[in-house]
Amino acid sequence: MNTSTIVNEEFDIVIIGAGISGIGAARYVTKAFPNKRVVVLESRDNIGGTWDLFRYPGIRSDSDLHTFGYEFKPWKDRAAIADAPLIRDYLRETVQENDLQKLIRFRHRVTSADWSTTEAAWTLRVRIDNGDHSITHQQIKANWVFAATGYYRYDEGFTPHFEGRDDFGGDILHPQHWPEGYDYAGKKVVVIGSGATAITLVPSMAAGPGAAEHVTMLQRTPTYVMSLPRVDSLALTLTKLFGEQRGYALTRFKNIWLDRGVVKGLRMFPRAGRALIRRVNMRLLPKGFDVDTHFNPPYDPWDQRLCLAPDGDFFAAIRKGDASVVTDKVVRFTQTGILLESGRELPADVIVTATGLNLQLLGGMDLQVDGTPVNLAESIAYRGMLLSGVPNWAIAVGYTTSSWTLKISLMCRYFCDLLAHMDSHGYDTAVAVAEPGMQTRPVLDISAGYVLRSQHTVPRQGTELPWRMGLSYPEDAKLLRGALFDESLHLSASTDQPFAGDTSTLGQLTGAAQESGNV
């Protein structure tokens, strides 16, 4: 493989990632700063991130598109819970309508980033795959980096060790690496897992042309599953009465508060929530179905993310006999299926390991600040988007209990307001400073397996604002639309005393901030 190096470039803002977060960030930034030099670096050869990477049967959103979509671009399709092809079309339209394609560079992977306080700039080392078996390396300098890299590894899904894997005579697939055009028609399929991917795969593989003979969802632990309409009839009515823009805004407002009410209610009254979900499940499942074995998780609602079954498709597949649920533990794979702890053997022609993700922030790149490596696990998220001790670096982390993109819109607005303030006051550096000994907890505050496995590699959050991650749009709206900064955010110019990683300059900052009237 041939390698070469090309000339360095400089930008005001580098956005890493052209998924739903990166595309949104590019639109907000270019709208707010038409004269800034902006580039979007995407490691893959297409936009879309998750929605382009995953190609397993039935892949869809787990949130309504009126809140998962951008606030500036109405969702026009009838389906509020949308399949991936519709989401990809929506993202392509966003890029075209905002003339963003000229900013995006594909097959550009950032491998490391080094901050220089004296230069007030990041130096990014970029690996460029030219598509002809040659690799080019480039250095790019930027005053700001907006990392919209997602939260999991794109090249590797999580699969636990299964004894006897090599003995199995059929195909073993992971949803993150689904073979294009894979034919499972007439086959016996076992899907290992009980998360959103499994709840999507089971009804999709069990119905329609090319359906499997039977699909079994094998779970070790049950999950809460709720049914919601695929089409939001009230959204259609609001659009008809008030027009596309206002109807979308009203639907978005409605769904934000409805979602917040449901999450808050379930967390405040977990026993009542559990009973309500059980009652709904019983109504949707066959008479006599063992609900308490297969749909009674050992944790409270929203300790982990609830799964969604649009129009109850998952339950319908079970009622029709096309699908079934088994709650047990895997002992080993056999030549013809899976041997369970109960002694039962599940026959299978295809095993799908819907066993989750590998958490990874920033795409695995290495960060240094003035020559000192950054340990992400020791950093603390400020306002849910900046990292303590890491200057001019924003990260896109959405919500775990509602639509991911809701947080992105608030973050981008705050980001643009902060940059505008810095420009008008002659600042070129912003860094969050956490008090030593601050009490912290994981930045993703749910007990999902992929989070628990990787807590030692990701940033932390505090227990009080502005260091606590907001759990909802209303909460974050107050924080991110309020004062631009406080005593925890140090703003400076490169001619000032370099930031040394302590809090000695915070008194000076507070005075300057009070002077500008923004505290």
Protein backbone atom coordinates (compact mmCIF):
# COMPACT_ATOMS: atom_id res chain seq x y z
CA MET A 1 0.00 0.00 0.00
CA ASN A 2 1.43 3.38 -1.04
CA THR A 3 1.50 6.25 1.46
CA SER A 4 2.20 9.94 1.02
CA THR A 5 1.83 13.22 2.86
CA ILE A 6 0.02 16.32 1.59
CA VAL A 7 0.25 19.98 2.49
CA ASN A 8 -1.15 21.17 5.79
CA GLU A 9 -4.42 23.11 5.89
CA GLU A 10 -6.00 25.45 8.41
CA PHE A 11 -9.65 25.85 9.38
CA ASP A 12 -11.59 27.75 11.99
CA ILE A 13 -13.79 24.76 12.82
CA VAL A 14 -13.35 21.08 12.08
CA ILE A 15 -16.42 18.86 12.50
CA ILE A 16 -15.55 15.18 12.84
CA GLY A 17 -18.30 12.89 11.56
CA ALA A 18 -21.05 13.27 8.95
CA GLY A 19 -23.81 11.44 10.77
CA ILE A 20 -26.97 13.05 12.06
CA SER A 21 -25.03 15.07 14.69
CA GLY A 22 -22.26 16.22 12.37
CA ILE A 23 -24.62 17.26 9.58
CA GLY A 24 -26.72 19.19 12.08
CA ALA A 25 -23.63 20.90 13.50
CA ALA A 26 -22.42 21.85 10.01
CA ARG A 27 -25.76 23.48 9.23
CA TYR A 28 -25.87 25.49 12.47
CA VAL A 29 -22.25 26.62 12.20
CA THR A 30 -22.37 27.66 8.54
CA LYS A 31 -25.66 29.50 9.10
CA ALA A 32 -24.21 31.41 12.08
CA PHE A 33 -20.74 32.01 10.58
CA PRO A 34 -20.89 32.10 6.77
CA ASN A 35 -17.34 33.44 6.60
CA LYS A 36 -15.63 30.92 8.86
CA ARG A 37 -13.56 28.16 7.32
CA VAL A 38 -15.38 24.91 8.13
CA VAL A 39 -14.71 21.32 7.08
CA VAL A 40 -16.43 18.02 7.91
CA LEU A 41 -14.17 14.95 8.10
CA GLU A 42 -15.94 11.59 7.67
CA SER A 43 -14.03 8.32 7.98
CA ARG A 44 -16.53 6.33 5.90
CA ASP A 45 -17.47 6.85 2.26
CA ASN A 46 -21.00 8.09 2.83
CA ILE A 47 -22.99 10.36 5.11
CA GLY A 48 -25.46 9.07 7.66
CA GLY A 49 -23.36 7.46 10.40
CA THR A 50 -25.49 4.84 12.16
CA TRP A 51 -28.21 5.05 9.52
CA ASP A 52 -25.81 4.20 6.73
CA LEU A 53 -23.66 1.67 8.62
CA PHE A 54 -26.42 -0.61 9.91
CA ARG A 55 -28.22 -2.57 7.17
CA TYR A 56 -29.93 -5.36 9.09
CA PRO A 57 -33.60 -6.17 8.29
CA GLY A 58 -36.08 -3.57 9.49
CA ILE A 59 -33.59 -1.09 10.92
CA ARG A 60 -35.54 1.96 12.07
CA SER A 61 -35.57 4.76 14.59
CA ASP A 62 -36.49 4.06 18.18
CA SER A 63 -37.75 7.63 18.59
CA ASP A 64 -40.31 9.68 16.70
CA LEU A 65 -38.81 11.68 13.84
CA HIS A 66 -40.56 14.87 14.90
CA THR A 67 -38.07 15.05 17.78
CA PHE A 68 -35.29 12.93 16.26
CA GLY A 69 -35.30 15.16 13.19
CA TYR A 70 -33.82 18.65 13.13
CA GLU A 71 -35.83 21.59 14.45
CA PHE A 72 -34.99 23.53 11.27
CA LYS A 73 -36.18 20.83 8.85
CA PRO A 74 -39.71 19.42 9.21
CA TRP A 75 -40.21 15.67 8.97
CA LYS A 76 -42.66 15.20 6.08
CA ASP A 77 -43.24 11.47 5.85
CA ARG A 78 -46.44 10.01 7.34
CA ALA A 79 -44.49 7.52 9.44
CA ALA A 80 -43.33 9.09 12.70
CA ILE A 81 -41.32 5.94 13.51
CA ALA A 82 -39.23 5.68 10.38
CA ASP A 83 -37.12 3.04 8.66
CA ALA A 84 -33.47 3.79 7.94
CA PRO A 85 -33.90 4.46 4.18
CA LEU A 86 -36.29 7.32 4.97
CA ILE A 87 -33.84 8.74 7.51
CA ARG A 88 -30.99 8.53 4.99
CA ASP A 89 -33.13 10.41 2.46
CA TYR A 90 -33.87 13.06 5.08
CA LEU A 91 -30.15 13.51 5.81
CA ARG A 92 -29.28 13.72 2.11
CA GLU A 93 -31.94 16.40 1.66
CA THR A 94 -30.50 18.34 4.61
CA VAL A 95 -27.04 18.27 3.05
CA GLN A 96 -28.32 19.37 -0.36
CA GLU A 97 -30.69 22.07 0.89
CA ASN A 98 -27.93 23.67 2.98
CA ASP A 99 -25.15 23.22 0.42
CA LEU A 100 -23.07 21.19 2.86
CA GLN A 101 -21.70 18.66 0.37
CA LYS A 102 -18.82 21.00 -0.46
CA LEU A 103 -17.65 20.80 3.17
CA ILE A 104 -17.62 17.02 3.56
CA ARG A 105 -14.46 14.99 2.94
CA PHE A 106 -15.01 11.24 2.90
CA ARG A 107 -12.54 8.53 3.97
CA HIS A 108 -10.78 11.05 6.24
CA ARG A 109 -10.07 9.48 9.63
CA VAL A 110 -8.65 11.62 12.42
CA THR A 111 -6.12 9.50 14.29
CA SER A 112 -4.82 12.03 16.81
CA ALA A 113 -5.22 15.62 17.93
CA ASP A 114 -2.71 17.87 19.73
CA TRP A 115 -3.57 21.21 21.31
CA SER A 116 -1.06 24.04 21.50
CA THR A 117 -1.89 26.80 23.99
CA THR A 118 0.61 29.20 22.43
CA GLU A 119 -0.99 28.76 19.00
CA ALA A 120 -4.55 28.39 20.32
CA ALA A 121 -4.99 25.62 17.79
CA TRP A 122 -5.46 21.88 17.42
CA THR A 123 -3.25 19.92 15.05
CA LEU A 124 -5.18 16.96 13.69
CA ARG A 125 -3.43 14.05 12.06
CA VAL A 126 -5.66 12.63 9.36
CA ARG A 127 -5.45 9.31 7.53
CA ILE A 128 -6.99 9.53 4.05
CA ASP A 129 -8.01 6.38 2.20
CA ASN A 130 -7.86 7.28 -1.48
CA GLY A 131 -9.81 4.21 -2.54
CA ASP A 132 -7.07 2.94 -4.83
CA HIS A 133 -5.06 1.02 -2.22
CA SER A 134 -3.09 4.16 -1.38
CA ILE A 135 -3.08 6.12 1.85
CA THR A 136 -2.38 9.81 2.31
CA HIS A 137 -1.52 11.49 5.61
CA GLN A 138 -2.36 15.09 6.31
CA GLN A 139 -2.13 17.59 9.15
CA ILE A 140 -5.00 20.00 9.66
CA LYS A 141 -4.96 22.90 12.09
CA ALA A 142 -8.15 24.21 13.66
CA ASN A 143 -9.10 26.65 16.38
CA TRP A 144 -12.15 24.53 17.33
CA VAL A 145 -13.09 20.88 16.94
CA PHE A 146 -16.68 19.64 17.14
CA ALA A 147 -16.53 15.86 17.62
CA ALA A 148 -19.72 14.29 16.26
CA THR A 149 -18.22 10.81 16.27
CA GLY A 150 -21.03 8.92 18.01
CA TYR A 151 -20.54 6.74 21.06
CA TYR A 152 -19.65 3.28 19.74
CA ARG A 153 -17.05 1.53 17.60
CA TYR A 154 -18.03 1.40 13.95
CA ASP A 155 -15.62 -1.38 13.06
CA GLU A 156 -16.58 -3.85 15.77
CA GLY A 157 -19.81 -4.79 17.54
CA PHE A 158 -19.87 -6.51 20.92
CA THR A 159 -20.09 -10.30 20.89
CA PRO A 160 -19.44 -12.28 24.10
CA HIS A 161 -17.53 -15.54 23.93
CA PHE A 162 -19.81 -18.48 23.13
CA GLU A 163 -18.41 -21.94 23.74
CA GLY A 164 -18.67 -24.17 20.67
CA ARG A 165 -19.00 -21.31 18.21
CA ASP A 166 -16.82 -23.09 15.67
CA ASP A 167 -18.97 -26.21 15.94
CA PHE A 168 -22.10 -24.51 14.63
CA GLY A 169 -22.93 -25.59 11.08
CA GLY A 170 -24.98 -22.54 10.08
CA ASP A 171 -24.27 -18.82 9.73
CA ILE A 172 -23.49 -16.52 12.66
CA LEU A 173 -24.23 -12.85 11.97
CA HIS A 174 -23.82 -9.63 13.94
CA PRO A 175 -26.33 -6.86 13.07
CA GLN A 176 -23.54 -4.29 12.81
CA HIS A 177 -21.99 -6.29 9.96
CA TRP A 178 -25.04 -7.62 8.12
CA PRO A 179 -24.14 -9.14 4.71
CA GLU A 180 -25.78 -7.33 1.82
CA GLY A 181 -28.63 -9.34 0.30
CA TYR A 182 -28.39 -12.12 2.87
CA ASP A 183 -31.10 -14.76 2.25
CA TYR A 184 -32.70 -16.23 5.37
CA ALA A 185 -35.95 -17.36 3.70
CA GLY A 186 -37.33 -20.58 5.20
CA LYS A 187 -34.57 -20.83 7.80
CA LYS A 188 -34.82 -21.24 11.54
CA VAL A 189 -33.33 -18.10 13.11
CA VAL A 190 -32.30 -17.50 16.71
CA VAL A 191 -31.65 -13.87 17.68
CA ILE A 192 -29.57 -13.60 20.85
CA GLY A 193 -30.41 -10.39 22.68
CA SER A 194 -33.34 -8.39 23.94
CA GLY A 195 -32.49 -4.78 23.13
CA ALA A 196 -33.81 -2.45 20.45
CA THR A 197 -31.99 -4.31 17.65
CA ALA A 198 -33.50 -7.68 18.59
CA ILE A 199 -36.99 -6.18 18.98
CA THR A 200 -36.60 -4.78 15.45
CA LEU A 201 -35.07 -7.88 13.85
CA VAL A 202 -37.60 -10.44 15.11
CA PRO A 203 -40.77 -9.11 13.40
CA SER A 204 -38.83 -8.01 10.31
CA MET A 205 -37.35 -11.46 9.69
CA ALA A 206 -40.56 -13.30 10.63
CA ALA A 207 -42.89 -11.59 8.14
CA GLY A 208 -43.17 -10.60 4.49
CA PRO A 209 -41.50 -11.94 1.35
CA GLY A 210 -38.41 -14.01 2.11
CA ALA A 211 -39.45 -14.56 5.73
CA ALA A 212 -37.71 -17.05 7.97
CA GLU A 213 -39.46 -20.29 8.89
CA HIS A 214 -39.43 -19.18 12.52
CA VAL A 215 -37.58 -16.57 14.57
CA THR A 216 -36.75 -17.10 18.25
CA MET A 217 -35.54 -14.28 20.46
CA LEU A 218 -33.24 -15.79 23.06
CA GLN A 219 -32.74 -13.47 26.00
CA ARG A 220 -30.86 -13.81 29.25
CA THR A 221 -32.74 -10.87 30.81
CA PRO A 222 -36.15 -9.47 29.79
CA THR A 223 -36.62 -5.93 28.52
CA TYR A 224 -39.51 -3.50 28.79
CA VAL A 225 -41.25 -3.32 25.41
CA MET A 226 -43.94 -0.78 24.60
CA SER A 227 -46.15 -0.46 21.53
CA LEU A 228 -46.68 2.92 19.87
CA PRO A 229 -48.40 3.86 16.60
CA ARG A 230 -46.05 4.14 13.64
CA VAL A 231 -48.11 7.07 12.33
CA ASP A 232 -48.81 10.04 14.63
CA SER A 233 -52.36 10.97 13.63
CA LEU A 234 -52.32 14.14 15.73
CA ALA A 235 -49.17 15.28 13.94
CA LEU A 236 -50.93 14.87 10.59
CA THR A 237 -53.89 16.90 11.89
CA LEU A 238 -51.65 19.67 13.23
CA THR A 239 -49.83 19.88 9.90
CA LYS A 240 -53.13 20.04 8.03
CA LEU A 241 -54.48 22.81 10.29
CA PHE A 242 -51.36 24.93 10.78
CA GLY A 243 -49.14 24.14 7.81
CA GLU A 244 -45.88 22.26 7.50
CA GLN A 245 -43.60 24.47 9.62
CA ARG A 246 -46.01 25.30 12.44
CA GLY A 247 -47.53 21.83 12.48
CA TYR A 248 -44.05 20.33 12.83
CA ALA A 249 -43.12 22.77 15.61
CA LEU A 250 -46.33 22.02 17.51
CA THR A 251 -45.85 18.26 17.13
CA ARG A 252 -42.25 18.58 18.30
CA PHE A 253 -43.38 20.59 21.34
CA LYS A 254 -46.10 18.04 22.11
CA ASN A 255 -43.73 15.08 21.85
CA ILE A 256 -40.99 16.69 23.93
CA TRP A 257 -43.32 17.21 26.86
CA LEU A 258 -45.20 13.94 26.41
CA ASP A 259 -41.93 12.02 26.36
CA ARG A 260 -40.64 13.91 29.39
CA GLY A 261 -43.86 13.19 31.27
CA VAL A 262 -43.71 9.47 30.52
CA VAL A 263 -40.05 9.11 31.54
CA LYS A 264 -40.49 11.17 34.70
CA GLY A 265 -43.69 9.34 35.62
CA LEU A 266 -42.15 5.89 35.17
CA ARG A 267 -39.10 6.84 37.23
CA MET A 268 -41.13 8.43 40.01
CA PHE A 269 -43.64 5.58 40.20
CA PRO A 270 -41.75 2.48 39.03
CA ARG A 271 -44.17 -0.07 40.52
CA ALA A 272 -47.15 1.55 38.83
CA GLY A 273 -45.17 1.85 35.60
CA ARG A 274 -44.19 -1.81 35.69
CA ALA A 275 -47.83 -2.81 36.27
CA LEU A 276 -49.04 -0.61 33.40
CA ILE A 277 -46.49 -2.00 30.93
CA ARG A 278 -47.35 -5.56 32.03
CA ARG A 279 -51.07 -4.92 31.46
CA VAL A 280 -50.43 -3.58 27.95
CA ASN A 281 -48.14 -6.51 27.13
CA MET A 282 -50.76 -9.03 28.28
CA ARG A 283 -53.34 -7.47 26.00
CA LEU A 284 -51.01 -7.73 22.99
CA LEU A 285 -49.72 -11.27 23.62
CA PRO A 286 -51.53 -14.60 23.15
CA LYS A 287 -53.84 -15.69 25.95
CA GLY A 288 -51.93 -17.61 28.62
CA PHE A 289 -48.52 -16.27 27.52
CA ASP A 290 -45.97 -16.31 30.37
CA VAL A 291 -45.57 -12.54 30.66
CA ASP A 292 -43.84 -12.68 34.04
CA THR A 293 -41.02 -14.86 32.71
CA HIS A 294 -40.39 -13.12 29.40
CA PHE A 295 -41.44 -9.46 29.96
CA ASN A 296 -40.70 -8.76 33.62
CA PRO A 297 -37.22 -7.19 33.88
CA PRO A 298 -35.36 -7.26 37.23
CA TYR A 299 -34.81 -3.48 37.02
CA ASP A 300 -37.20 -0.51 37.08
CA PRO A 301 -38.49 1.21 33.92
CA TRP A 302 -35.87 3.55 32.39
CA ASP A 303 -32.99 2.16 34.41
CA GLN A 304 -32.29 0.95 30.90
CA ARG A 305 -33.81 2.29 27.69
CA LEU A 306 -37.31 1.02 26.88
CA CYS A 307 -37.76 -0.76 23.56
CA LEU A 308 -40.36 0.30 21.04
CA ALA A 309 -42.56 -1.93 18.88
CA PRO A 310 -44.25 0.24 16.19
CA ASP A 311 -47.91 -0.77 15.86
CA GLY A 312 -47.08 -3.71 18.14
CA ASP A 313 -45.32 -5.57 15.31
CA PHE A 314 -43.14 -7.56 17.73
CA PHE A 315 -46.15 -8.81 19.67
CA ALA A 316 -48.08 -9.52 16.45
CA ALA A 317 -45.30 -11.86 15.26
CA ILE A 318 -45.61 -13.81 18.52
CA ARG A 319 -49.42 -13.98 18.29
CA LYS A 320 -49.22 -15.35 14.74
CA GLY A 321 -46.75 -18.03 15.80
CA ASP A 322 -44.03 -16.70 13.50
CA ALA A 323 -41.83 -15.77 16.44
CA SER A 324 -41.26 -16.82 20.04
CA VAL A 325 -39.32 -15.71 23.10
CA VAL A 326 -37.06 -17.92 25.22
CA THR A 327 -35.57 -16.67 28.49
CA ASP A 328 -32.54 -18.77 29.39
CA LYS A 329 -28.74 -18.81 29.39
CA VAL A 330 -26.48 -20.14 26.66
CA VAL A 331 -24.29 -23.09 27.60
CA ARG A 332 -22.75 -23.59 24.18
CA PHE A 333 -23.37 -23.60 20.47
CA THR A 334 -23.85 -27.03 18.92
CA GLN A 335 -23.68 -28.14 15.31
CA THR A 336 -27.43 -27.60 14.86
CA GLY A 337 -28.30 -24.88 17.34
CA ILE A 338 -27.83 -23.64 20.91
CA LEU A 339 -27.76 -25.70 24.10
CA LEU A 340 -29.37 -23.84 27.01
CA GLU A 341 -28.81 -24.01 30.75
CA SER A 342 -32.25 -25.60 31.16
CA GLY A 343 -31.08 -28.54 29.02
CA ARG A 344 -33.20 -27.52 26.05
CA GLU A 345 -31.59 -27.20 22.62
CA LEU A 346 -32.83 -24.49 20.28
CA PRO A 347 -32.53 -25.60 16.63
CA ALA A 348 -31.09 -22.95 14.33
CA ASP A 349 -29.87 -22.48 10.78
CA VAL A 350 -28.86 -18.89 11.50
CA ILE A 351 -27.75 -17.30 14.77
CA VAL A 352 -27.86 -13.51 15.04
CA THR A 353 -25.79 -12.09 17.90
CA ALA A 354 -27.72 -8.90 18.68
CA THR A 355 -25.57 -8.59 21.78
CA GLY A 356 -24.81 -4.89 21.70
CA LEU A 357 -22.17 -2.29 20.97
CA ASN A 358 -18.66 -1.48 22.05
CA LEU A 359 -18.66 2.01 23.55
CA GLN A 360 -16.04 4.34 22.12
CA LEU A 361 -15.98 8.14 22.16
CA LEU A 362 -14.05 10.28 19.70
CA GLY A 363 -13.56 7.39 17.30
CA GLY A 364 -10.62 6.08 19.31
CA MET A 365 -8.32 8.98 18.46
CA ASP A 366 -5.53 10.09 20.80
CA LEU A 367 -5.71 13.56 22.36
CA GLN A 368 -2.90 15.64 23.85
CA VAL A 369 -2.95 19.07 25.44
CA ASP A 370 0.44 20.80 25.29
CA GLY A 371 2.14 17.44 24.99
CA THR A 372 0.26 15.75 27.84
CA PRO A 373 -2.02 12.84 26.87
CA VAL A 374 -5.70 13.31 27.73
CA ASN A 375 -7.31 10.54 29.75
CA LEU A 376 -10.99 10.80 28.87
CA ALA A 377 -11.99 8.84 31.96
CA GLU A 378 -10.53 11.63 34.12
CA SER A 379 -12.33 14.43 32.30
CA ILE A 380 -15.73 15.80 33.33
CA ALA A 381 -18.42 17.00 30.94
CA TYR A 382 -19.29 20.70 31.24
CA ARG A 383 -22.83 21.54 30.10
CA GLY A 384 -22.86 18.13 28.50
CA MET A 385 -20.59 19.21 25.64
CA LEU A 386 -17.15 20.49 26.75
CA LEU A 387 -14.53 18.42 28.59
CA SER A 388 -12.65 19.70 31.61
CA GLY A 389 -9.06 20.54 30.80
CA VAL A 390 -9.56 20.12 27.04
CA PRO A 391 -9.65 23.52 25.30
CA ASN A 392 -11.83 24.31 22.27
CA TRP A 393 -13.21 20.81 21.93
CA ALA A 394 -16.94 20.08 21.88
CA ILE A 395 -18.45 16.60 21.90
CA ALA A 396 -21.91 15.63 20.68
CA VAL A 397 -23.60 13.44 23.30
CA GLY A 398 -27.37 13.17 23.00
CA TYR A 399 -30.05 11.88 25.35
CA THR A 400 -30.45 8.30 26.50
CA THR A 401 -34.07 8.68 27.61
CA SER A 402 -35.40 10.61 24.60
CA SER A 403 -34.45 11.54 21.05
CA TRP A 404 -30.68 11.87 20.66
CA THR A 405 -30.95 14.85 18.31
CA LEU A 406 -32.89 17.07 20.71
CA LYS A 407 -29.69 17.61 22.69
CA ILE A 408 -27.69 18.29 19.53
CA SER A 409 -29.85 21.28 18.54
CA LEU A 410 -29.39 22.88 21.97
CA MET A 411 -25.65 22.16 21.96
CA CYS A 412 -25.17 23.69 18.52
CA ARG A 413 -27.01 26.86 19.46
CA TYR A 414 -24.91 27.26 22.60
CA PHE A 415 -21.75 26.46 20.63
CA CYS A 416 -22.51 29.16 18.07
CA ASP A 417 -23.41 31.72 20.75
CA LEU A 418 -20.18 30.98 22.63
CA LEU A 419 -18.06 31.36 19.49
CA ALA A 420 -19.80 34.63 18.60
CA HIS A 421 -19.11 35.98 22.10
CA MET A 422 -15.46 34.92 21.91
CA ASP A 423 -15.05 36.57 18.51
CA SER A 424 -16.59 39.84 19.68
CA HIS A 425 -14.37 39.99 22.79
CA GLY A 426 -11.13 38.82 21.18
CA TYR A 427 -10.94 35.43 22.91
CA ASP A 428 -9.55 32.42 21.07
CA THR A 429 -9.51 29.80 23.84
CA ALA A 430 -12.21 28.32 26.05
CA VAL A 431 -11.58 25.60 28.60
CA ALA A 432 -13.77 24.20 31.36
CA VAL A 433 -12.11 23.88 34.76
CA ALA A 434 -13.48 21.41 37.32
CA GLU A 435 -12.90 21.84 41.03
CA PRO A 436 -10.51 19.19 42.44
CA GLY A 437 -12.29 16.36 44.23
CA MET A 438 -15.63 16.99 42.57
CA GLN A 439 -18.09 14.14 43.11
CA THR A 440 -18.80 12.41 39.79
CA ARG A 441 -20.70 9.58 38.16
CA PRO A 442 -20.70 8.06 34.62
CA VAL A 443 -21.55 10.44 31.79
CA LEU A 444 -24.13 7.98 30.42
CA ASP A 445 -26.41 7.47 33.38
CA ILE A 446 -28.10 4.18 32.46
CA SER A 447 -27.27 0.59 33.40
CA ALA A 448 -27.16 -0.87 29.89
CA GLY A 449 -24.47 -3.51 29.34
CA TYR A 450 -22.52 -1.51 26.76
CA VAL A 451 -22.31 1.40 29.23
CA LEU A 452 -21.26 -0.71 32.22
CA ARG A 453 -18.57 -2.49 30.18
CA SER A 454 -16.90 0.77 29.22
CA GLN A 455 -17.28 3.11 32.19
CA HIS A 456 -13.52 3.12 32.70
CA THR A 457 -12.91 4.63 29.24
CA VAL A 458 -15.44 7.48 29.00
CA PRO A 459 -15.77 10.91 30.65
CA ARG A 460 -17.61 11.55 33.90
CA GLN A 461 -20.28 14.01 34.91
CA GLY A 462 -20.81 15.97 38.11
CA THR A 463 -23.78 15.90 40.43
CA GLU A 464 -24.65 19.61 40.11
CA LEU A 465 -25.10 22.01 37.21
CA PRO A 466 -23.30 22.94 35.02
CA TRP A 467 -21.39 19.65 35.34
CA ARG A 468 -24.43 17.38 35.52
CA MET A 469 -25.73 15.94 32.25
CA GLY A 470 -29.28 17.06 31.63
CA LEU A 471 -31.78 14.22 31.37
CA SER A 472 -34.31 16.10 29.28
CA TYR A 473 -34.73 18.84 26.71
CA PRO A 474 -36.61 21.19 29.10
CA GLU A 475 -33.82 20.95 31.67
CA ASP A 476 -31.05 21.55 29.14
CA ALA A 477 -32.97 24.36 27.45
CA LYS A 478 -32.72 26.39 30.67
CA LEU A 479 -28.99 25.73 30.98
CA LEU A 480 -27.88 26.09 27.35
CA ARG A 481 -30.10 29.07 26.57
CA GLY A 482 -29.08 30.86 29.75
CA ALA A 483 -25.83 32.62 30.58
CA LEU A 484 -23.07 31.76 28.15
CA PHE A 485 -20.48 30.97 30.79
CA ASP A 486 -19.75 31.00 34.51
CA GLU A 487 -16.80 30.67 36.87
CA SER A 488 -16.13 27.13 35.57
CA LEU A 489 -15.34 28.25 32.01
CA HIS A 490 -12.05 30.02 31.36
CA LEU A 491 -11.93 32.29 28.32
CA SER A 492 -8.64 33.78 27.15
CA ALA A 493 -6.62 34.99 24.21
CA SER A 494 -3.41 33.29 23.09
CA THR A 495 -1.45 36.33 24.28
CA ASP A 496 -2.72 35.74 27.84
CA GLN A 497 -1.00 33.58 30.44
CA PRO A 498 -1.24 29.98 29.16
CA PHE A 499 -3.73 27.77 30.94
CA ALA A 500 -1.84 25.54 33.36
CA GLY A 501 -4.62 23.17 34.36
CA ASP A 502 -5.36 24.77 37.76
CA THR A 503 -8.02 27.17 39.04
CA SER A 504 -5.77 30.13 39.88
CA THR A 505 -7.12 32.25 37.03
CA LEU A 506 -10.77 31.72 37.87
CA GLY A 507 -10.99 34.88 39.95
CA GLN A 508 -9.79 36.95 37.00
CA LEU A 509 -12.32 35.19 34.76
CA THR A 510 -15.20 35.89 37.12
CA GLY A 511 -14.37 39.58 37.12
CA ALA A 512 -14.12 39.72 33.34
CA ALA A 513 -17.36 37.79 32.97
CA GLN A 514 -19.20 40.07 35.38
CA GLU A 515 -17.79 43.04 33.52
CA SER A 516 -19.32 41.75 30.26
CA GLY A 517 -22.67 41.05 31.96
CA ASN A 518 -22.85 37.39 31.00
CA VAL A 519 -22.66 35.59 34.34
